[in-house]
């Protein structure tokens, strides 16, 4: 019966159905073509609650990148779990270029080194490009009778029970960076973890702790008012935000390149044309004088990279903190 109906179906109706299918297929192909990306709004996930430095950076990047791409970019804040919830969300998103994230040192650097995560920081993501990094600076309460890093190490060795350092929490860069320095300088300090950098600063200023390794940007207001003293900064070069502070490398400590870095990533298996276009337009944003000036005011050095260079940077950063965590027996549940 069905075969008879098919045989009797008018030729013009078959032609109409075939033509409609061809139009649908052609439309879908056009929508996915390299020339048409992006053809709808892009979601940029910030793995923190609204407000604060990372959220501010995400919105500045989104604003400029949307102009370059000719399509709106909506910032969505997903806090919790030290960035784990947001990062896992992106890892599971469709690899079409319409869900991206601000990846940073916690989500793709320190957390993978010290925690068991529901995502793989390398395999589950496509690196698109680096934005930049802010160095961390070793600061002390000015009541300590030391003026420089050499004197501090000598003091620490003579007074092993007198020093403690605050961090923004276990496994953060402010924790692992000090542990790296303790190992390199062969000194002892007690770790006092806090829930965030704010409370850690409060106790440092009050003399409850003596040492911290915050970002230079966070420390600048206290440095300017002489409420803390800076001994060294991480990174290959002195920061233009305060060139008076020497690098660890200058002072004889190699390997202190850990910084608070930020980049853009997407889910694994993003199409090459999407990655290339996003990387090209992101690097154009970084080359904008206005954006560069804004970031310089926040002690950030812009670091344009190719996707491969960014992937290598992430791998090296994870390896750095894996070594520190192993050497100091740090593993966080």
Protein backbone atom coordinates (compact mmCIF):
# COMPACT_ATOMS: atom_id res chain seq x y z
CA UNK A 1 0.00 0.00 0.00
CA UNK A 2 2.80 2.41 0.92
CA UNK A 3 4.71 1.63 -2.27
CA UNK A 4 1.61 2.40 -4.32
CA UNK A 5 1.22 5.77 -2.59
CA UNK A 6 4.86 6.63 -3.25
CA UNK A 7 4.46 5.68 -6.89
CA UNK A 8 1.40 7.89 -7.23
CA UNK A 9 2.96 10.91 -5.44
CA UNK A 10 3.10 13.81 -7.90
CA UNK A 11 6.50 14.57 -9.33
CA UNK A 12 6.19 18.26 -8.44
CA UNK A 13 5.66 17.37 -4.74
CA UNK A 14 8.79 15.21 -4.70
CA UNK A 15 10.68 18.04 -6.34
CA UNK A 16 9.38 20.48 -3.71
CA UNK A 17 10.48 18.24 -0.82
CA UNK A 18 13.92 17.73 -2.35
CA UNK A 19 14.36 21.46 -2.95
CA UNK A 20 13.37 22.24 0.65
CA UNK A 21 15.89 19.75 2.01
CA UNK A 22 18.60 21.26 -0.16
CA UNK A 23 17.81 24.75 1.15
CA UNK A 24 17.96 23.55 4.78
CA UNK A 25 21.27 21.76 4.23
CA UNK A 26 22.71 24.76 2.41
CA UNK A 27 21.56 27.12 5.17
CA UNK A 28 23.14 24.98 7.89
CA UNK A 29 26.37 24.70 5.92
CA UNK A 30 26.47 28.45 5.41
CA UNK A 31 25.85 29.07 9.09
CA UNK A 32 28.82 26.89 9.99
CA UNK A 33 31.18 28.30 7.34
CA UNK A 34 34.33 30.15 8.44
CA UNK A 35 33.09 33.39 6.87
CA UNK A 36 29.90 33.43 8.96
CA UNK A 37 31.40 32.97 12.42
CA UNK A 38 30.13 34.42 14.67
CA UNK A 39 26.49 34.77 13.61
CA UNK A 40 24.94 34.89 17.08
CA UNK A 41 25.92 36.15 20.57
CA UNK A 42 28.91 34.55 22.30
CA UNK A 43 28.90 33.67 26.00
CA UNK A 44 32.11 34.46 27.90
CA UNK A 45 32.13 32.77 31.29
CA UNK A 46 33.98 34.42 34.17
CA UNK A 47 34.73 31.71 36.78
CA UNK A 48 34.11 34.09 39.70
CA UNK A 49 31.24 36.00 41.25
CA UNK A 50 30.45 39.43 39.82
CA UNK A 51 32.79 42.19 40.96
CA UNK A 52 36.53 42.02 41.44
CA UNK A 53 39.50 42.00 39.13
CA UNK A 54 38.79 38.97 36.95
CA UNK A 55 35.17 39.98 36.34
CA UNK A 56 36.30 43.49 35.45
CA UNK A 57 38.87 42.11 33.01
CA UNK A 58 36.31 39.79 31.40
CA UNK A 59 33.95 42.70 30.74
CA UNK A 60 36.67 44.89 29.26
CA UNK A 61 37.81 42.10 26.95
CA UNK A 62 34.23 41.24 25.99
CA UNK A 63 33.41 44.85 25.13
CA UNK A 64 36.35 45.26 22.77
CA UNK A 65 36.25 41.77 21.31
CA UNK A 66 32.56 42.13 20.47
CA UNK A 67 33.31 45.26 18.45
CA UNK A 68 36.03 43.44 16.53
CA UNK A 69 33.81 40.43 15.82
CA UNK A 70 30.66 42.41 15.10
CA UNK A 71 28.67 40.28 17.50
CA UNK A 72 27.67 40.74 21.13
CA UNK A 73 29.59 38.90 23.84
CA UNK A 74 27.72 38.34 27.09
CA UNK A 75 29.72 37.82 30.28
CA UNK A 76 28.22 35.18 32.56
CA UNK A 77 29.54 34.86 36.11
CA UNK A 78 29.69 31.35 37.55
CA UNK A 79 31.39 31.34 40.96
CA UNK A 80 32.02 28.50 43.37
CA UNK A 81 34.47 25.69 43.81
CA UNK A 82 37.50 27.87 43.15
CA UNK A 83 36.44 28.16 39.51
CA UNK A 84 35.71 24.44 39.15
CA UNK A 85 31.97 24.80 38.46
CA UNK A 86 32.48 27.34 35.67
CA UNK A 87 35.37 25.44 34.16
CA UNK A 88 33.45 22.19 34.11
CA UNK A 89 30.54 23.99 32.44
CA UNK A 90 32.77 25.17 29.61
CA UNK A 91 34.42 21.75 29.23
CA UNK A 92 30.96 20.23 28.60
CA UNK A 93 29.76 22.98 26.23
CA UNK A 94 29.30 22.47 22.51
CA UNK A 95 32.60 23.11 20.66
CA UNK A 96 31.13 25.68 18.29
CA UNK A 97 32.83 28.86 19.49
CA UNK A 98 29.79 30.29 21.27
CA UNK A 99 30.83 29.35 24.81
CA UNK A 100 34.23 30.61 25.97
CA UNK A 101 35.82 31.37 29.34
CA UNK A 102 38.45 33.47 31.02
CA UNK A 103 40.88 30.76 32.05
CA UNK A 104 43.42 31.82 34.64
CA UNK A 105 46.14 30.60 36.98
CA UNK A 106 43.68 28.95 39.38
CA UNK A 107 41.55 27.05 36.87
CA UNK A 108 44.41 26.04 34.57
CA UNK A 109 47.50 26.30 36.77
CA UNK A 110 47.44 25.76 40.51
CA UNK A 111 44.17 23.82 40.92
CA UNK A 112 45.19 21.06 38.50
CA UNK A 113 48.44 20.71 40.43
CA UNK A 114 46.96 20.21 43.89
CA UNK A 115 43.37 19.02 43.49
CA UNK A 116 41.44 16.15 41.96
CA UNK A 117 39.24 17.94 39.44
CA UNK A 118 36.25 16.89 37.36
CA UNK A 119 38.02 18.20 34.26
CA UNK A 120 41.41 17.91 32.55
CA UNK A 121 42.94 21.37 32.16
CA UNK A 122 44.66 20.36 28.92
CA UNK A 123 42.56 17.68 27.21
CA UNK A 124 39.14 19.24 27.87
CA UNK A 125 39.92 22.69 26.47
CA UNK A 126 41.04 24.54 23.39
CA UNK A 127 43.48 27.36 24.20
CA UNK A 128 42.67 30.50 22.23
CA UNK A 129 45.07 33.13 23.53
CA UNK A 130 46.75 34.74 26.48
CA UNK A 131 45.63 38.15 27.73
CA UNK A 132 48.33 39.00 30.24
CA UNK A 133 49.74 38.53 33.71
CA UNK A 134 50.27 40.42 36.93
CA UNK A 135 53.39 39.51 38.94
CA UNK A 136 53.21 38.51 42.57
CA UNK A 137 55.33 40.31 45.10
CA UNK A 138 56.82 39.07 48.35
CA UNK A 139 55.85 41.65 50.97
CA UNK A 140 56.49 41.87 54.70
CA UNK A 141 55.18 43.79 57.63
CA UNK A 142 57.54 46.82 57.89
CA UNK A 143 58.13 46.17 61.58
CA UNK A 144 60.41 43.29 60.64
CA UNK A 145 64.04 44.44 61.02
CA UNK A 146 64.98 43.69 57.38
CA UNK A 147 65.33 45.88 54.29
CA UNK A 148 65.84 43.39 51.47
CA UNK A 149 65.47 39.73 50.50
CA UNK A 150 68.96 38.73 51.60
CA UNK A 151 68.41 40.15 55.08
CA UNK A 152 64.99 38.51 55.24
CA UNK A 153 66.40 35.04 54.53
CA UNK A 154 69.10 35.55 57.14
CA UNK A 155 66.51 36.70 59.67
CA UNK A 156 64.23 33.73 58.91
CA UNK A 157 67.05 31.27 59.44
CA UNK A 158 67.95 32.82 62.78
CA UNK A 159 64.31 33.05 63.92
CA UNK A 160 62.52 29.95 62.59
CA UNK A 161 59.66 30.18 65.09
CA UNK A 162 58.84 33.87 64.58
CA UNK A 163 57.51 33.97 61.04
CA UNK A 164 54.16 33.08 59.52
CA UNK A 165 52.68 33.94 56.17
CA UNK A 166 49.10 34.44 55.06
CA UNK A 167 47.54 33.22 51.83
CA UNK A 168 44.22 33.53 50.02
CA UNK A 169 43.64 29.84 50.74
CA UNK A 170 45.23 26.39 50.41
CA UNK A 171 46.48 25.62 46.93
CA UNK A 172 46.31 29.19 45.67
CA UNK A 173 49.19 30.96 43.99
CA UNK A 174 49.69 32.98 47.19
CA UNK A 175 50.25 29.67 49.01
CA UNK A 176 52.29 27.68 46.47
CA UNK A 177 54.51 30.64 45.59
CA UNK A 178 55.68 31.03 49.19
CA UNK A 179 56.22 27.29 49.51
CA UNK A 180 58.38 27.47 46.40
CA UNK A 181 60.43 30.23 48.01
CA UNK A 182 60.72 28.38 51.32
CA UNK A 183 62.15 25.41 49.46
CA UNK A 184 64.57 27.51 47.39
CA UNK A 185 65.84 29.53 50.37
CA UNK A 186 65.75 26.70 52.92
CA UNK A 187 63.73 28.67 55.46
CA UNK A 188 60.70 27.84 57.60
CA UNK A 189 57.44 29.79 57.95
CA UNK A 190 54.03 28.71 59.20
CA UNK A 191 51.24 28.88 56.63
CA UNK A 192 48.05 30.68 57.74
CA UNK A 193 45.34 30.21 55.07
CA UNK A 194 42.47 32.67 54.78
CA UNK A 195 39.27 32.81 52.77
CA UNK A 196 40.43 35.38 50.28
CA UNK A 197 43.22 37.89 50.07
CA UNK A 198 41.36 40.63 52.00
CA UNK A 199 41.47 38.96 55.42
CA UNK A 200 45.08 37.94 54.80
CA UNK A 201 46.01 41.59 54.25
CA UNK A 202 44.17 42.62 57.41
CA UNK A 203 46.24 40.32 59.60
CA UNK A 204 49.50 41.20 57.84
CA UNK A 205 48.92 44.90 58.48
CA UNK A 206 48.07 44.15 62.10
CA UNK A 207 51.25 42.13 62.57
CA UNK A 208 49.41 38.84 63.17
CA UNK A 209 51.35 37.45 60.19
CA UNK A 210 54.58 38.80 58.77
CA UNK A 211 54.72 37.75 55.12
CA UNK A 212 52.52 37.51 52.00
CA UNK A 213 52.83 36.94 48.26
CA UNK A 214 49.84 38.81 46.75
CA UNK A 215 49.65 40.26 43.26
CA UNK A 216 51.57 43.47 42.83
CA UNK A 217 48.32 45.20 41.86
CA UNK A 218 46.73 44.25 45.20
CA UNK A 219 49.83 45.35 47.11
CA UNK A 220 50.40 48.73 45.43
CA UNK A 221 48.03 50.78 47.66
CA UNK A 222 49.78 49.45 50.78
CA UNK A 223 53.23 49.98 49.27
CA UNK A 224 52.42 53.58 48.47
CA UNK A 225 51.32 54.23 52.05
CA UNK A 226 54.40 52.39 53.42
CA UNK A 227 52.20 49.93 55.31
CA UNK A 228 54.09 46.98 53.78
CA UNK A 229 57.56 46.52 52.33
CA UNK A 230 58.22 44.71 49.03
CA UNK A 231 61.27 42.47 48.72
CA UNK A 232 60.93 40.87 45.27
CA UNK A 233 58.53 40.25 42.37
CA UNK A 234 57.97 37.20 40.21
CA UNK A 235 58.50 37.21 36.46
CA UNK A 236 61.36 37.73 34.05
CA UNK A 237 61.40 41.53 34.26
CA UNK A 238 60.70 44.23 36.80
CA UNK A 239 57.15 45.50 36.60
CA UNK A 240 56.59 48.94 35.12
CA UNK A 241 53.97 49.42 37.84
CA UNK A 242 56.82 49.59 40.39
CA UNK A 243 60.26 49.18 38.81
CA UNK A 244 61.97 49.73 42.16
CA UNK A 245 61.19 46.13 43.19
CA UNK A 246 63.81 43.62 41.97
CA UNK A 247 62.85 40.26 40.52
CA UNK A 248 63.62 37.03 42.34
CA UNK A 249 65.86 36.17 39.41
CA UNK A 250 67.97 39.28 39.92
CA UNK A 251 68.43 38.25 43.54
CA UNK A 252 69.65 34.77 42.67
CA UNK A 253 66.41 32.76 42.71
CA UNK A 254 65.65 31.23 39.33
CA UNK A 255 62.32 29.73 38.32
CA UNK A 256 60.10 32.29 40.05
CA UNK A 257 57.98 33.01 36.99
CA UNK A 258 54.59 32.19 38.51
CA UNK A 259 52.16 35.04 37.95
CA UNK A 260 48.44 35.76 38.13
CA UNK A 261 47.76 35.15 34.45
CA UNK A 262 44.59 35.33 32.39
CA UNK A 263 43.63 34.00 28.96
CA UNK A 264 40.70 32.87 26.83
CA UNK A 265 39.83 29.21 26.28
CA UNK A 266 36.97 27.18 24.86
CA UNK A 267 35.84 23.56 24.96
CA UNK A 268 38.03 20.91 23.37
CA UNK A 269 37.85 20.41 19.59
CA UNK A 270 36.95 23.95 18.57
CA UNK A 271 37.18 24.28 14.77
CA UNK A 272 40.48 25.70 13.54
CA UNK A 273 38.84 28.63 11.76
CA UNK A 274 37.10 29.64 15.00
CA UNK A 275 40.32 29.46 17.02
CA UNK A 276 42.28 31.43 14.44
CA UNK A 277 39.67 34.15 14.19
CA UNK A 278 39.28 34.53 17.94
CA UNK A 279 43.04 34.59 18.46
CA UNK A 280 43.51 37.21 15.74
CA UNK A 281 40.81 39.49 17.15
CA UNK A 282 41.92 38.99 20.76
CA UNK A 283 45.47 40.02 19.86
CA UNK A 284 44.07 43.10 18.11
CA UNK A 285 42.40 44.02 21.42
CA UNK A 286 45.72 43.66 23.24
CA UNK A 287 47.37 45.94 20.68
CA UNK A 288 44.88 48.76 21.35
CA UNK A 289 46.69 51.61 23.17
CA UNK A 290 43.67 52.42 25.34
CA UNK A 291 43.32 48.82 26.52
CA UNK A 292 47.08 48.51 27.10
CA UNK A 293 47.03 51.66 29.23
CA UNK A 294 44.12 50.38 31.31
CA UNK A 295 45.89 47.11 31.98
CA UNK A 296 49.17 48.85 32.80
CA UNK A 297 47.31 50.82 35.47
CA UNK A 298 46.39 47.45 37.00
CA UNK A 299 50.02 46.26 36.96
CA UNK A 300 49.31 43.81 34.15
CA UNK A 301 51.73 43.03 31.36
CA UNK A 302 49.93 42.08 28.16
CA UNK A 303 51.21 38.84 26.62
CA UNK A 304 49.77 38.18 23.14
CA UNK A 305 50.38 34.58 22.08
CA UNK A 306 49.37 32.09 19.42
CA UNK A 307 47.07 29.26 20.56
CA UNK A 308 50.05 26.88 20.62
CA UNK A 309 52.16 29.26 22.67
CA UNK A 310 49.30 29.67 25.14
CA UNK A 311 48.89 25.90 25.43
CA UNK A 312 52.61 25.53 26.11
CA UNK A 313 52.41 28.25 28.76
CA UNK A 314 49.57 26.43 30.53
CA UNK A 315 51.45 23.13 30.47
CA UNK A 316 54.58 24.77 31.89
CA UNK A 317 52.60 26.50 34.64
CA UNK A 318 50.92 23.27 35.71
CA UNK A 319 54.28 21.48 35.70
CA UNK A 320 55.76 24.23 37.88
CA UNK A 321 53.09 23.87 40.56
CA UNK A 322 52.99 20.08 40.35
CA UNK A 323 56.68 20.08 41.27
CA UNK A 324 56.13 22.47 44.20
CA UNK A 325 53.15 20.46 45.43
CA UNK A 326 55.14 17.22 45.21
CA UNK A 327 58.23 18.68 46.90
CA UNK A 328 56.13 20.13 49.75
CA UNK A 329 53.65 17.22 49.98
CA UNK A 330 50.68 19.45 49.20
CA UNK A 331 47.46 17.75 48.14
CA UNK A 332 44.05 19.27 48.76
CA UNK A 333 40.81 17.30 48.83
